[in-house]
Every structure is written in C-alpha cells, then in structure tokens.
Amino acid sequence: MLSNVVVIVGSAICLIPNDKALMFGRFVYGLGGGGMSVFVPKFISETSPTEYAGAYGNMTSVSLVFGLLLAALVGLPAPTGDLASLQQQDAFMIHGYYRIVLAVPILLSVV
C-alpha cells in the first residue's frame, strides 16, 4: 500500500509542467514501481499455500511484463518526429497528451 502512495505522489509530481519536476517525479515513481516489483512477489510467496506459490509468483512476473507492455501501448499515440511534422499535429497531442500518460498510474494505484 505504501508503494501505491509513492507511485501516486511521483505521478502527481510529474504533472507539474517543469522539466526538473518531471525528472524528480519519474524518480519517485520509479521507487514506488520498483518497491511493488520487490514487495509483492515476497508477500505472495510468504502468504500463499506452498503448492501454489510457484504459480502465483509466475503470475506476478507475467503481470509486471503485461503492465510494461500496456504502458508502451498507451504511449504510442504520443507525437514524434521532426519539428515540421510536430507543428502540423494537433496542439493537444503535443502539449497535453503526456499528462494523460503520466496520470494513468494514479488511477491504477487508487484502484
């Protein structure tokens, strides 16, 4: 639960429109995500029945990889390319889409 709070705080810091705040927020968010990837498998291995511990531990790894894939897919619509092509794209995609991508972990952590 504490890791969820750290992820929420880190993601909220990322929403501040400042480069240094974004870097610091991503660092804090990384601490929370790393904590989850360490604490959750340990908790599962200690609380699950012995005959299911391996399967539950594997599902944790699969879930982490699926979460990384989901994060990559959410970021796909973000604008890339040279400056000329970026100027022709929608202003929201350039200036506001990153906030949606960085706010998704807040929703997932609250749930």
PDB file of N, CA and C in Angstrom:
ATOM      1  N   MET A   1       0.826  -1.195   0.000  1.00  0.00           N
ATOM      2  CA  MET A   1       0.000   0.000   0.000  1.00  0.00           C
ATOM      3  C   MET A   1       0.870   1.259   0.000  1.00  0.00           C
ATOM      4  N   LEU A   2       1.985   1.186   0.712  1.00  0.00           N
ATOM      5  CA  LEU A   2       2.885   2.338   0.731  1.00  0.00           C
ATOM      6  C   LEU A   2       3.482   2.587  -0.653  1.00  0.00           C
ATOM      7  N   SER A   3       3.775   1.519  -1.382  1.00  0.00           N
ATOM      8  CA  SER A   3       4.285   1.687  -2.742  1.00  0.00           C
ATOM      9  C   SER A   3       3.265   2.364  -3.638  1.00  0.00           C
ATOM     10  N   ASN A   4       1.988   2.061  -3.448  1.00  0.00           N
ATOM     11  CA  ASN A   4       0.944   2.750  -4.206  1.00  0.00           C
ATOM     12  C   ASN A   4       0.931   4.241  -3.908  1.00  0.00           C
ATOM     13  N   VAL A   5       1.105   4.600  -2.655  1.00  0.00           N
ATOM     14  CA  VAL A   5       1.147   6.016  -2.281  1.00  0.00           C
ATOM     15  C   VAL A   5       2.350   6.698  -2.929  1.00  0.00           C
ATOM     16  N   VAL A   6       3.490   6.017  -2.949  1.00  0.00           N
ATOM     17  CA  VAL A   6       4.692   6.591  -3.573  1.00  0.00           C
ATOM     18  C   VAL A   6       4.468   6.775  -5.074  1.00  0.00           C
ATOM     19  N   VAL A   7       3.817   5.826  -5.728  1.00  0.00           N
ATOM     20  CA  VAL A   7       3.515   5.955  -7.161  1.00  0.00           C
ATOM     21  C   VAL A   7       2.570   7.125  -7.409  1.00  0.00           C
ATOM     22  N   ILE A   8       1.558   7.272  -6.563  1.00  0.00           N
ATOM     23  CA  ILE A   8       0.616   8.385  -6.721  1.00  0.00           C
ATOM     24  C   ILE A   8       1.330   9.724  -6.561  1.00  0.00           C
ATOM     25  N   VAL A   9       2.179   9.838  -5.556  1.00  0.00           N
ATOM     26  CA  VAL A   9       2.916  11.089  -5.334  1.00  0.00           C
ATOM     27  C   VAL A   9       3.856  11.362  -6.508  1.00  0.00           C
ATOM     28  N   GLY A  10       4.584  10.338  -6.960  1.00  0.00           N
ATOM     29  CA  GLY A  10       5.502  10.521  -8.083  1.00  0.00           C
ATOM     30  C   GLY A  10       4.782  10.917  -9.354  1.00  0.00           C
ATOM     31  N   SER A  11       3.647  10.295  -9.633  1.00  0.00           N
ATOM     32  CA  SER A  11       2.886  10.647 -10.832  1.00  0.00           C
ATOM     33  C   SER A  11       2.303  12.050 -10.725  1.00  0.00           C
ATOM     34  N   ALA A  12       1.875  12.440  -9.536  1.00  0.00           N
ATOM     35  CA  ALA A  12       1.342  13.792  -9.348  1.00  0.00           C
ATOM     36  C   ALA A  12       2.436  14.838  -9.550  1.00  0.00           C
ATOM     37  N   ILE A  13       3.642  14.544  -9.105  1.00  0.00           N
ATOM     38  CA  ILE A  13       4.762  15.472  -9.323  1.00  0.00           C
ATOM     39  C   ILE A  13       5.063  15.583 -10.816  1.00  0.00           C
ATOM     40  N   CYS A  14       4.914  14.479 -11.551  1.00  0.00           N
ATOM     41  CA  CYS A  14       5.165  14.501 -12.992  1.00  0.00           C
ATOM     42  C   CYS A  14       4.208  15.413 -13.740  1.00  0.00           C
ATOM     43  N   LEU A  15       3.046  15.686 -13.193  1.00  0.00           N
ATOM     44  CA  LEU A  15       2.062  16.527 -13.871  1.00  0.00           C
ATOM     45  C   LEU A  15       2.386  18.009 -13.780  1.00  0.00           C
ATOM     46  N   ILE A  16       3.357  18.378 -12.971  1.00  0.00           N
ATOM     47  CA  ILE A  16       3.788  19.774 -12.883  1.00  0.00           C
ATOM     48  C   ILE A  16       4.545  20.105 -14.162  1.00  0.00           C
ATOM     49  N   PRO A  17       4.175  21.174 -14.861  1.00  0.00           N
ATOM     50  CA  PRO A  17       4.833  21.485 -16.143  1.00  0.00           C
ATOM     51  C   PRO A  17       6.216  22.118 -15.956  1.00  0.00           C
ATOM     52  N   ASN A  18       7.163  21.309 -15.530  1.00  0.00           N
ATOM     53  CA  ASN A  18       8.531  21.751 -15.303  1.00  0.00           C
ATOM     54  C   ASN A  18       9.445  20.551 -15.558  1.00  0.00           C
ATOM     55  N   ASP A  19      10.557  20.753 -16.240  1.00  0.00           N
ATOM     56  CA  ASP A  19      11.450  19.644 -16.575  1.00  0.00           C
ATOM     57  C   ASP A  19      12.034  18.981 -15.338  1.00  0.00           C
ATOM     58  N   LYS A  20      12.467  19.785 -14.379  1.00  0.00           N
ATOM     59  CA  LYS A  20      13.074  19.224 -13.165  1.00  0.00           C
ATOM     60  C   LYS A  20      12.042  18.463 -12.332  1.00  0.00           C
ATOM     61  N   ALA A  21      10.825  18.985 -12.270  1.00  0.00           N
ATOM     62  CA  ALA A  21       9.760  18.291 -11.542  1.00  0.00           C
ATOM     63  C   ALA A  21       9.425  16.972 -12.228  1.00  0.00           C
ATOM     64  N   LEU A  22       9.439  16.965 -13.551  1.00  0.00           N
ATOM     65  CA  LEU A  22       9.160  15.738 -14.284  1.00  0.00           C
ATOM     66  C   LEU A  22      10.222  14.681 -13.995  1.00  0.00           C
ATOM     67  N   MET A  23      11.484  15.077 -13.992  1.00  0.00           N
ATOM     68  CA  MET A  23      12.560  14.122 -13.706  1.00  0.00           C
ATOM     69  C   MET A  23      12.473  13.604 -12.273  1.00  0.00           C
ATOM     70  N   PHE A  24      12.223  14.501 -11.319  1.00  0.00           N
ATOM     71  CA  PHE A  24      12.113  14.084  -9.929  1.00  0.00           C
ATOM     72  C   PHE A  24      10.893  13.188  -9.729  1.00  0.00           C
ATOM     73  N   GLY A  25       9.772  13.544 -10.367  1.00  0.00           N
ATOM     74  CA  GLY A  25       8.572  12.727 -10.260  1.00  0.00           C
ATOM     75  C   GLY A  25       8.765  11.340 -10.845  1.00  0.00           C
ATOM     76  N   ARG A  26       9.469  11.234 -11.965  1.00  0.00           N
ATOM     77  CA  ARG A  26       9.739   9.923 -12.549  1.00  0.00           C
ATOM     78  C   ARG A  26      10.652   9.101 -11.637  1.00  0.00           C
ATOM     79  N   PHE A  27      11.579   9.770 -10.950  1.00  0.00           N
ATOM     80  CA  PHE A  27      12.438   9.070  -9.993  1.00  0.00           C
ATOM     81  C   PHE A  27      11.610   8.505  -8.839  1.00  0.00           C
ATOM     82  N   VAL A  28      10.729   9.336  -8.282  1.00  0.00           N
ATOM     83  CA  VAL A  28       9.876   8.894  -7.174  1.00  0.00           C
ATOM     84  C   VAL A  28       8.942   7.790  -7.651  1.00  0.00           C
ATOM     85  N   TYR A  29       8.376   7.956  -8.847  1.00  0.00           N
ATOM     86  CA  TYR A  29       7.509   6.935  -9.422  1.00  0.00           C
ATOM     87  C   TYR A  29       8.269   5.618  -9.604  1.00  0.00           C
ATOM     88  N   GLY A  30       9.515   5.700 -10.030  1.00  0.00           N
ATOM     89  CA  GLY A  30      10.348   4.501 -10.189  1.00  0.00           C
ATOM     90  C   GLY A  30      10.612   3.805  -8.868  1.00  0.00           C
ATOM     91  N   LEU A  31      10.771   4.569  -7.809  1.00  0.00           N
ATOM     92  CA  LEU A  31      10.944   3.963  -6.486  1.00  0.00           C
ATOM     93  C   LEU A  31       9.695   3.176  -6.080  1.00  0.00           C
ATOM     94  N   GLY A  32       8.540   3.752  -6.336  1.00  0.00           N
ATOM     95  CA  GLY A  32       7.297   3.060  -5.998  1.00  0.00           C
ATOM     96  C   GLY A  32       7.087   1.815  -6.843  1.00  0.00           C
ATOM     97  N   GLY A  33       7.333   1.934  -8.137  1.00  0.00           N
ATOM     98  CA  GLY A  33       7.192   0.773  -9.022  1.00  0.00           C
ATOM     99  C   GLY A  33       8.194  -0.320  -8.704  1.00  0.00           C
ATOM    100  N   GLY A  34       9.414   0.065  -8.398  1.00  0.00           N
ATOM    101  CA  GLY A  34      10.425  -0.916  -8.005  1.00  0.00           C
ATOM    102  C   GLY A  34      10.072  -1.591  -6.693  1.00  0.00           C
ATOM    103  N   GLY A  35       9.514  -0.810  -5.755  1.00  0.00           N
ATOM    104  CA  GLY A  35       9.071  -1.397  -4.495  1.00  0.00           C
ATOM    105  C   GLY A  35       7.987  -2.430  -4.704  1.00  0.00           C
ATOM    106  N   MET A  36       7.053  -2.115  -5.617  1.00  0.00           N
ATOM    107  CA  MET A  36       5.998  -3.087  -5.908  1.00  0.00           C
ATOM    108  C   MET A  36       6.559  -4.363  -6.522  1.00  0.00           C
ATOM    109  N   SER A  37       7.540  -4.212  -7.399  1.00  0.00           N
ATOM    110  CA  SER A  37       8.092  -5.399  -8.055  1.00  0.00           C
ATOM    111  C   SER A  37       8.919  -6.252  -7.098  1.00  0.00           C
ATOM    112  N   VAL A  38       9.302  -5.705  -5.954  1.00  0.00           N
ATOM    113  CA  VAL A  38      10.040  -6.472  -4.948  1.00  0.00           C
ATOM    114  C   VAL A  38       9.113  -6.998  -3.857  1.00  0.00           C
ATOM    115  N   PHE A  39       8.247  -6.121  -3.333  1.00  0.00           N
ATOM    116  CA  PHE A  39       7.437  -6.483  -2.178  1.00  0.00           C
ATOM    117  C   PHE A  39       6.294  -7.435  -2.509  1.00  0.00           C
ATOM    118  N   VAL A  40       5.673  -7.264  -3.655  1.00  0.00           N
ATOM    119  CA  VAL A  40       4.510  -8.095  -3.995  1.00  0.00           C
ATOM    120  C   VAL A  40       4.899  -9.568  -4.156  1.00  0.00           C
ATOM    121  N   PRO A  41       5.955  -9.910  -4.923  1.00  0.00           N
ATOM    122  CA  PRO A  41       6.308 -11.331  -5.003  1.00  0.00           C
ATOM    123  C   PRO A  41       6.699 -11.925  -3.652  1.00  0.00           C
ATOM    124  N   LYS A  42       7.377 -11.139  -2.822  1.00  0.00           N
ATOM    125  CA  LYS A  42       7.759 -11.624  -1.495  1.00  0.00           C
ATOM    126  C   LYS A  42       6.522 -11.873  -0.640  1.00  0.00           C
ATOM    127  N   PHE A  43       5.572 -10.963  -0.674  1.00  0.00           N
ATOM    128  CA  PHE A  43       4.338 -11.129   0.076  1.00  0.00           C
ATOM    129  C   PHE A  43       3.565 -12.353  -0.408  1.00  0.00           C
ATOM    130  N   ILE A  44       3.501 -12.536  -1.725  1.00  0.00           N
ATOM    131  CA  ILE A  44       2.782 -13.684  -2.274  1.00  0.00           C
ATOM    132  C   ILE A  44       3.450 -14.985  -1.870  1.00  0.00           C
ATOM    133  N   SER A  45       4.777 -15.033  -1.933  1.00  0.00           N
ATOM    134  CA  SER A  45       5.472 -16.275  -1.587  1.00  0.00           C
ATOM    135  C   SER A  45       5.324 -16.611  -0.107  1.00  0.00           C
ATOM    136  N   GLU A  46       5.173 -15.618   0.746  1.00  0.00           N
ATOM    137  CA  GLU A  46       5.038 -15.877   2.171  1.00  0.00           C
ATOM    138  C   GLU A  46       3.609 -16.201   2.596  1.00  0.00           C
ATOM    139  N   THR A  47       2.616 -15.753   1.839  1.00  0.00           N
ATOM    140  CA  THR A  47       1.236 -15.940   2.274  1.00  0.00           C
ATOM    141  C   THR A  47       0.471 -16.999   1.485  1.00  0.00           C
ATOM    142  N   SER A  48       0.966 -17.400   0.332  1.00  0.00           N
ATOM    143  CA  SER A  48       0.224 -18.378  -0.474  1.00  0.00           C
ATOM    144  C   SER A  48       0.546 -19.797  -0.015  1.00  0.00           C
ATOM    145  N   PRO A  49      -0.348 -20.745  -0.269  1.00  0.00           N
ATOM    146  CA  PRO A  49      -0.065 -22.144   0.050  1.00  0.00           C
ATOM    147  C   PRO A  49       1.155 -22.632  -0.739  1.00  0.00           C
ATOM    148  N   THR A  50       1.905 -23.516  -0.156  1.00  0.00           N
ATOM    149  CA  THR A  50       3.170 -23.980  -0.741  1.00  0.00           C
ATOM    150  C   THR A  50       2.980 -24.536  -2.142  1.00  0.00           C
ATOM    151  N   GLU A  51       1.912 -25.287  -2.383  1.00  0.00           N
ATOM    152  CA  GLU A  51       1.724 -25.908  -3.693  1.00  0.00           C
ATOM    153  C   GLU A  51       1.367 -24.899  -4.785  1.00  0.00           C
ATOM    154  N   TYR A  52       0.917 -23.692  -4.416  1.00  0.00           N
ATOM    155  CA  TYR A  52       0.560 -22.674  -5.404  1.00  0.00           C
ATOM    156  C   TYR A  52       1.557 -21.524  -5.472  1.00  0.00           C
ATOM    157  N   ALA A  53       2.562 -21.525  -4.615  1.00  0.00           N
ATOM    158  CA  ALA A  53       3.481 -20.386  -4.540  1.00  0.00           C
ATOM    159  C   ALA A  53       4.197 -20.141  -5.862  1.00  0.00           C
ATOM    160  N   GLY A  54       4.630 -21.190  -6.542  1.00  0.00           N
ATOM    161  CA  GLY A  54       5.333 -21.020  -7.821  1.00  0.00           C
ATOM    162  C   GLY A  54       4.451 -20.419  -8.895  1.00  0.00           C
ATOM    163  N   ALA A  55       3.232 -20.915  -8.988  1.00  0.00           N
ATOM    164  CA  ALA A  55       2.307 -20.397 -10.000  1.00  0.00           C
ATOM    165  C   ALA A  55       1.939 -18.940  -9.713  1.00  0.00           C
ATOM    166  N   TYR A  56       1.719 -18.621  -8.453  1.00  0.00           N
ATOM    167  CA  TYR A  56       1.385 -17.241  -8.108  1.00  0.00           C
ATOM    168  C   TYR A  56       2.567 -16.311  -8.354  1.00  0.00           C
ATOM    169  N   GLY A  57       3.774 -16.779  -8.065  1.00  0.00           N
ATOM    170  CA  GLY A  57       4.964 -15.975  -8.333  1.00  0.00           C
ATOM    171  C   GLY A  57       5.156 -15.727  -9.817  1.00  0.00           C
ATOM    172  N   ASN A  58       4.883 -16.761 -10.637  1.00  0.00           N
ATOM    173  CA  ASN A  58       4.987 -16.586 -12.087  1.00  0.00           C
ATOM    174  C   ASN A  58       3.944 -15.610 -12.607  1.00  0.00           C
ATOM    175  N   MET A  59       2.755 -15.658 -12.049  1.00  0.00           N
ATOM    176  CA  MET A  59       1.715 -14.716 -12.484  1.00  0.00           C
ATOM    177  C   MET A  59       2.092 -13.281 -12.140  1.00  0.00           C
ATOM    178  N   THR A  60       2.831 -13.087 -11.068  1.00  0.00           N
ATOM    179  CA  THR A  60       3.306 -11.754 -10.732  1.00  0.00           C
ATOM    180  C   THR A  60       4.253 -11.250 -11.806  1.00  0.00           C
ATOM    181  N   SER A  61       5.168 -12.109 -12.256  1.00  0.00           N
ATOM    182  CA  SER A  61       6.098 -11.714 -13.312  1.00  0.00           C
ATOM    183  C   SER A  61       5.368 -11.421 -14.618  1.00  0.00           C
ATOM    184  N   VAL A  62       4.409 -12.261 -14.960  1.00  0.00           N
ATOM    185  CA  VAL A  62       3.631 -12.042 -16.184  1.00  0.00           C
ATOM    186  C   VAL A  62       2.854 -10.731 -16.087  1.00  0.00           C
ATOM    187  N   SER A  63       2.312 -10.443 -14.927  1.00  0.00           N
ATOM    188  CA  SER A  63       1.563  -9.198 -14.738  1.00  0.00           C
ATOM    189  C   SER A  63       2.466  -7.984 -14.866  1.00  0.00           C
ATOM    190  N   LEU A  64       3.684  -8.062 -14.338  1.00  0.00           N
ATOM    191  CA  LEU A  64       4.622  -6.949 -14.471  1.00  0.00           C
ATOM    192  C   LEU A  64       4.975  -6.699 -15.933  1.00  0.00           C
ATOM    193  N   VAL A  65       5.226  -7.758 -16.676  1.00  0.00           N
ATOM    194  CA  VAL A  65       5.556  -7.612 -18.098  1.00  0.00           C
ATOM    195  C   VAL A  65       4.355  -7.082 -18.878  1.00  0.00           C
ATOM    196  N   PHE A  66       3.153  -7.551 -18.559  1.00  0.00           N
ATOM    197  CA  PHE A  66       1.949  -7.042 -19.209  1.00  0.00           C
ATOM    198  C   PHE A  66       1.761  -5.555 -18.901  1.00  0.00           C
ATOM    199  N   GLY A  67       2.066  -5.146 -17.683  1.00  0.00           N
ATOM    200  CA  GLY A  67       1.976  -3.732 -17.336  1.00  0.00           C
ATOM    201  C   GLY A  67       2.961  -2.883 -18.117  1.00  0.00           C
ATOM    202  N   LEU A  68       4.162  -3.391 -18.330  1.00  0.00           N
ATOM    203  CA  LEU A  68       5.135  -2.663 -19.155  1.00  0.00           C
ATOM    204  C   LEU A  68       4.648  -2.549 -20.595  1.00  0.00           C
ATOM    205  N   LEU A  69       4.064  -3.618 -21.121  1.00  0.00           N
ATOM    206  CA  LEU A  69       3.510  -3.584 -22.469  1.00  0.00           C
ATOM    207  C   LEU A  69       2.363  -2.583 -22.558  1.00  0.00           C
ATOM    208  N   LEU A  70       1.503  -2.574 -21.576  1.00  0.00           N
ATOM    209  CA  LEU A  70       0.384  -1.640 -21.562  1.00  0.00           C
ATOM    210  C   LEU A  70       0.878  -0.192 -21.527  1.00  0.00           C
ATOM    211  N   ALA A  71       1.910   0.066 -20.727  1.00  0.00           N
ATOM    212  CA  ALA A  71       2.468   1.421 -20.667  1.00  0.00           C
ATOM    213  C   ALA A  71       3.048   1.837 -22.012  1.00  0.00           C
ATOM    214  N   ALA A  72       3.710   0.907 -22.697  1.00  0.00           N
ATOM    215  CA  ALA A  72       4.260   1.219 -24.011  1.00  0.00           C
ATOM    216  C   ALA A  72       3.151   1.488 -25.023  1.00  0.00           C
ATOM    217  N   LEU A  73       2.059   0.729 -24.952  1.00  0.00           N
ATOM    218  CA  LEU A  73       0.951   0.926 -25.887  1.00  0.00           C
ATOM    219  C   LEU A  73       0.224   2.245 -25.639  1.00  0.00           C
ATOM    220  N   VAL A  74       0.121   2.645 -24.374  1.00  0.00           N
ATOM    221  CA  VAL A  74      -0.523   3.919 -24.057  1.00  0.00           C
ATOM    222  C   VAL A  74       0.305   5.080 -24.607  1.00  0.00           C
ATOM    223  N   GLY A  75       1.610   4.917 -24.638  1.00  0.00           N
ATOM    224  CA  GLY A  75       2.477   5.976 -25.130  1.00  0.00           C
ATOM    225  C   GLY A  75       2.619   6.036 -26.629  1.00  0.00           C
ATOM    226  N   LEU A  76       2.093   5.062 -27.365  1.00  0.00           N
ATOM    227  CA  LEU A  76       2.247   5.055 -28.820  1.00  0.00           C
ATOM    228  C   LEU A  76       1.663   6.270 -29.532  1.00  0.00           C
ATOM    229  N   PRO A  77       0.500   6.773 -29.152  1.00  0.00           N
ATOM    230  CA  PRO A  77      -0.041   7.929 -29.880  1.00  0.00           C
ATOM    231  C   PRO A  77       0.713   9.232 -29.633  1.00  0.00           C
ATOM    232  N   ALA A  78       1.682   9.241 -28.741  1.00  0.00           N
ATOM    233  CA  ALA A  78       2.426  10.472 -28.461  1.00  0.00           C
ATOM    234  C   ALA A  78       3.154  10.920 -29.724  1.00  0.00           C
ATOM    235  N   PRO A  79       3.193  12.224 -29.961  1.00  0.00           N
ATOM    236  CA  PRO A  79       3.813  12.716 -31.191  1.00  0.00           C
ATOM    237  C   PRO A  79       5.325  12.538 -31.181  1.00  0.00           C
ATOM    238  N   THR A  80       5.849  12.126 -32.315  1.00  0.00           N
ATOM    239  CA  THR A  80       7.289  12.010 -32.513  1.00  0.00           C
ATOM    240  C   THR A  80       7.623  12.553 -33.886  1.00  0.00           C
ATOM    241  N   GLY A  81       8.880  12.725 -34.129  1.00  0.00           N
ATOM    242  CA  GLY A  81       9.308  13.160 -35.459  1.00  0.00           C
ATOM    243  C   GLY A  81      10.004  14.493 -35.406  1.00  0.00           C
ATOM    244  N   ASP A  82      10.210  15.044 -36.580  1.00  0.00           N
ATOM    245  CA  ASP A  82      10.917  16.319 -36.658  1.00  0.00           C
ATOM    246  C   ASP A  82       9.976  17.475 -36.341  1.00  0.00           C
ATOM    247  N   LEU A  83      10.534  18.652 -36.214  1.00  0.00           N
ATOM    248  CA  LEU A  83       9.771  19.827 -35.798  1.00  0.00           C
ATOM    249  C   LEU A  83       8.690  20.187 -36.804  1.00  0.00           C
ATOM    250  N   ALA A  84       8.956  20.022 -38.100  1.00  0.00           N
ATOM    251  CA  ALA A  84       7.963  20.381 -39.113  1.00  0.00           C
ATOM    252  C   ALA A  84       6.714  19.509 -38.997  1.00  0.00           C
ATOM    253  N   SER A  85       6.905  18.214 -38.764  1.00  0.00           N
ATOM    254  CA  SER A  85       5.733  17.350 -38.638  1.00  0.00           C
ATOM    255  C   SER A  85       5.010  17.580 -37.322  1.00  0.00           C
ATOM    256  N   LEU A  86       5.739  17.950 -36.279  1.00  0.00           N
ATOM    257  CA  LEU A  86       5.097  18.224 -34.995  1.00  0.00           C
ATOM    258  C   LEU A  86       4.239  19.483 -35.064  1.00  0.00           C
ATOM    259  N   GLN A  87       4.636  20.450 -35.862  1.00  0.00           N
ATOM    260  CA  GLN A  87       3.862  21.690 -35.963  1.00  0.00           C
ATOM    261  C   GLN A  87       2.537  21.473 -36.667  1.00  0.00           C
ATOM    262  N   GLN A  88       2.421  20.418 -37.454  1.00  0.00           N
ATOM    263  CA  GLN A  88       1.193  20.156 -38.178  1.00  0.00           C
ATOM    264  C   GLN A  88       0.215  19.319 -37.348  1.00  0.00           C
ATOM    265  N   GLN A  89       0.675  18.740 -36.265  1.00  0.00           N
ATOM    266  CA  GLN A  89      -0.198  17.890 -35.455  1.00  0.00           C
ATOM    267  C   GLN A  89      -1.051  18.726 -34.521  1.00  0.00           C
ATOM    268  N   ASP A  90      -2.039  18.078 -33.954  1.00  0.00           N
ATOM    269  CA  ASP A  90      -2.957  18.730 -33.033  1.00  0.00           C
ATOM    270  C   ASP A  90      -2.201  19.246 -31.806  1.00  0.00           C
ATOM    271  N   ALA A  91      -2.555  20.435 -31.338  1.00  0.00           N
ATOM    272  CA  ALA A  91      -1.860  21.039 -30.200  1.00  0.00           C
ATOM    273  C   ALA A  91      -2.022  20.213 -28.934  1.00  0.00           C
ATOM    274  N   PHE A  92      -3.184  19.558 -28.754  1.00  0.00           N
ATOM    275  CA  PHE A  92      -3.374  18.730 -27.567  1.00  0.00           C
ATOM    276  C   PHE A  92      -2.395  17.569 -27.543  1.00  0.00           C
ATOM    277  N   MET A  93      -2.178  16.946 -28.692  1.00  0.00           N
ATOM    278  CA  MET A  93      -1.265  15.809 -28.754  1.00  0.00           C
ATOM    279  C   MET A  93       0.149  16.234 -28.403  1.00  0.00           C
ATOM    280  N   ILE A  94       0.505  17.445 -28.705  1.00  0.00           N
ATOM    281  CA  ILE A  94       1.856  17.912 -28.414  1.00  0.00           C
ATOM    282  C   ILE A  94       1.980  18.362 -26.967  1.00  0.00           C
ATOM    283  N   HIS A  95       1.017  19.134 -26.487  1.00  0.00           N
ATOM    284  CA  HIS A  95       1.165  19.771 -25.173  1.00  0.00           C
ATOM    285  C   HIS A  95       0.454  19.051 -24.032  1.00  0.00           C
ATOM    286  N   GLY A  96      -0.547  18.237 -24.311  1.00  0.00           N
ATOM    287  CA  GLY A  96      -1.322  17.685 -23.221  1.00  0.00           C
ATOM    288  C   GLY A  96      -1.339  16.178 -23.092  1.00  0.00           C
ATOM    289  N   TYR A  97      -0.946  15.465 -24.136  1.00  0.00           N
ATOM    290  CA  TYR A  97      -1.081  14.013 -24.077  1.00  0.00           C
ATOM    291  C   TYR A  97      -0.172  13.400 -23.021  1.00  0.00           C
ATOM    292  N   TYR A  98       0.999  13.973 -22.808  1.00  0.00           N
ATOM    293  CA  TYR A  98       1.909  13.396 -21.820  1.00  0.00           C
ATOM    294  C   TYR A  98       1.290  13.407 -20.427  1.00  0.00           C
ATOM    295  N   ARG A  99       0.419  14.362 -20.167  1.00  0.00           N
ATOM    296  CA  ARG A  99      -0.223  14.407 -18.847  1.00  0.00           C
ATOM    297  C   ARG A  99      -1.183  13.242 -18.656  1.00  0.00           C
ATOM    298  N   ILE A 100      -1.859  12.848 -19.712  1.00  0.00           N
ATOM    299  CA  ILE A 100      -2.745  11.688 -19.620  1.00  0.00           C
ATOM    300  C   ILE A 100      -1.925  10.430 -19.372  1.00  0.00           C
ATOM    301  N   VAL A 101      -0.845  10.277 -20.116  1.00  0.00           N
ATOM    302  CA  VAL A 101       0.012   9.090 -19.972  1.00  0.00           C
ATOM    303  C   VAL A 101       0.585   9.016 -18.556  1.00  0.00           C
ATOM    304  N   LEU A 102       0.974  10.151 -17.992  1.00  0.00           N
ATOM    305  CA  LEU A 102       1.554  10.156 -16.653  1.00  0.00           C
ATOM    306  C   LEU A 102       0.503  10.101 -15.548  1.00  0.00           C
ATOM    307  N   ALA A 103      -0.761  10.352 -15.879  1.00  0.00           N
ATOM    308  CA  ALA A 103      -1.818  10.288 -14.859  1.00  0.00           C
ATOM    309  C   ALA A 103      -2.449   8.915 -14.754  1.00  0.00           C
ATOM    310  N   VAL A 104      -2.258   8.053 -15.740  1.00  0.00           N
ATOM    311  CA  VAL A 104      -2.840   6.710 -15.698  1.00  0.00           C
ATOM    312  C   VAL A 104      -2.382   5.930 -14.457  1.00  0.00           C
ATOM    313  N   PRO A 105      -1.095   5.982 -14.052  1.00  0.00           N
ATOM    314  CA  PRO A 105      -0.708   5.254 -12.836  1.00  0.00           C
ATOM    315  C   PRO A 105      -1.430   5.717 -11.578  1.00  0.00           C
ATOM    316  N   ILE A 106      -1.858   6.962 -11.533  1.00  0.00           N
ATOM    317  CA  ILE A 106      -2.610   7.439 -10.375  1.00  0.00           C
ATOM    318  C   ILE A 106      -3.918   6.672 -10.275  1.00  0.00           C
ATOM    319  N   LEU A 107      -4.615   6.538 -11.405  1.00  0.00           N
ATOM    320  CA  LEU A 107      -5.878   5.814 -11.424  1.00  0.00           C
ATOM    321  C   LEU A 107      -5.667   4.351 -11.045  1.00  0.00           C
ATOM    322  N   LEU A 108      -4.673   3.719 -11.618  1.00  0.00           N
ATOM    323  CA  LEU A 108      -4.417   2.314 -11.322  1.00  0.00           C
ATOM    324  C   LEU A 108      -4.009   2.090  -9.865  1.00  0.00           C
ATOM    325  N   SER A 109      -3.250   3.008  -9.295  1.00  0.00           N
ATOM    326  CA  SER A 109      -2.844   2.865  -7.893  1.00  0.00           C
ATOM    327  C   SER A 109      -4.006   3.065  -6.937  1.00  0.00           C
ATOM    328  N   VAL A 110      -4.915   3.946  -7.290  1.00  0.00           N
ATOM    329  CA  VAL A 110      -6.085   4.161  -6.442  1.00  0.00           C
ATOM    330  C   VAL A 110      -6.983   2.937  -6.460  1.00  0.00           C
ATOM    331  N   VAL A 111      -7.126   2.335  -7.640  1.00  0.00           N
ATOM    332  CA  VAL A 111      -7.954   1.134  -7.754  1.00  0.00           C
ATOM    333  C   VAL A 111      -7.300   0.013  -6.983  1.00  0.00           C
TER     334      VAL A 111
END
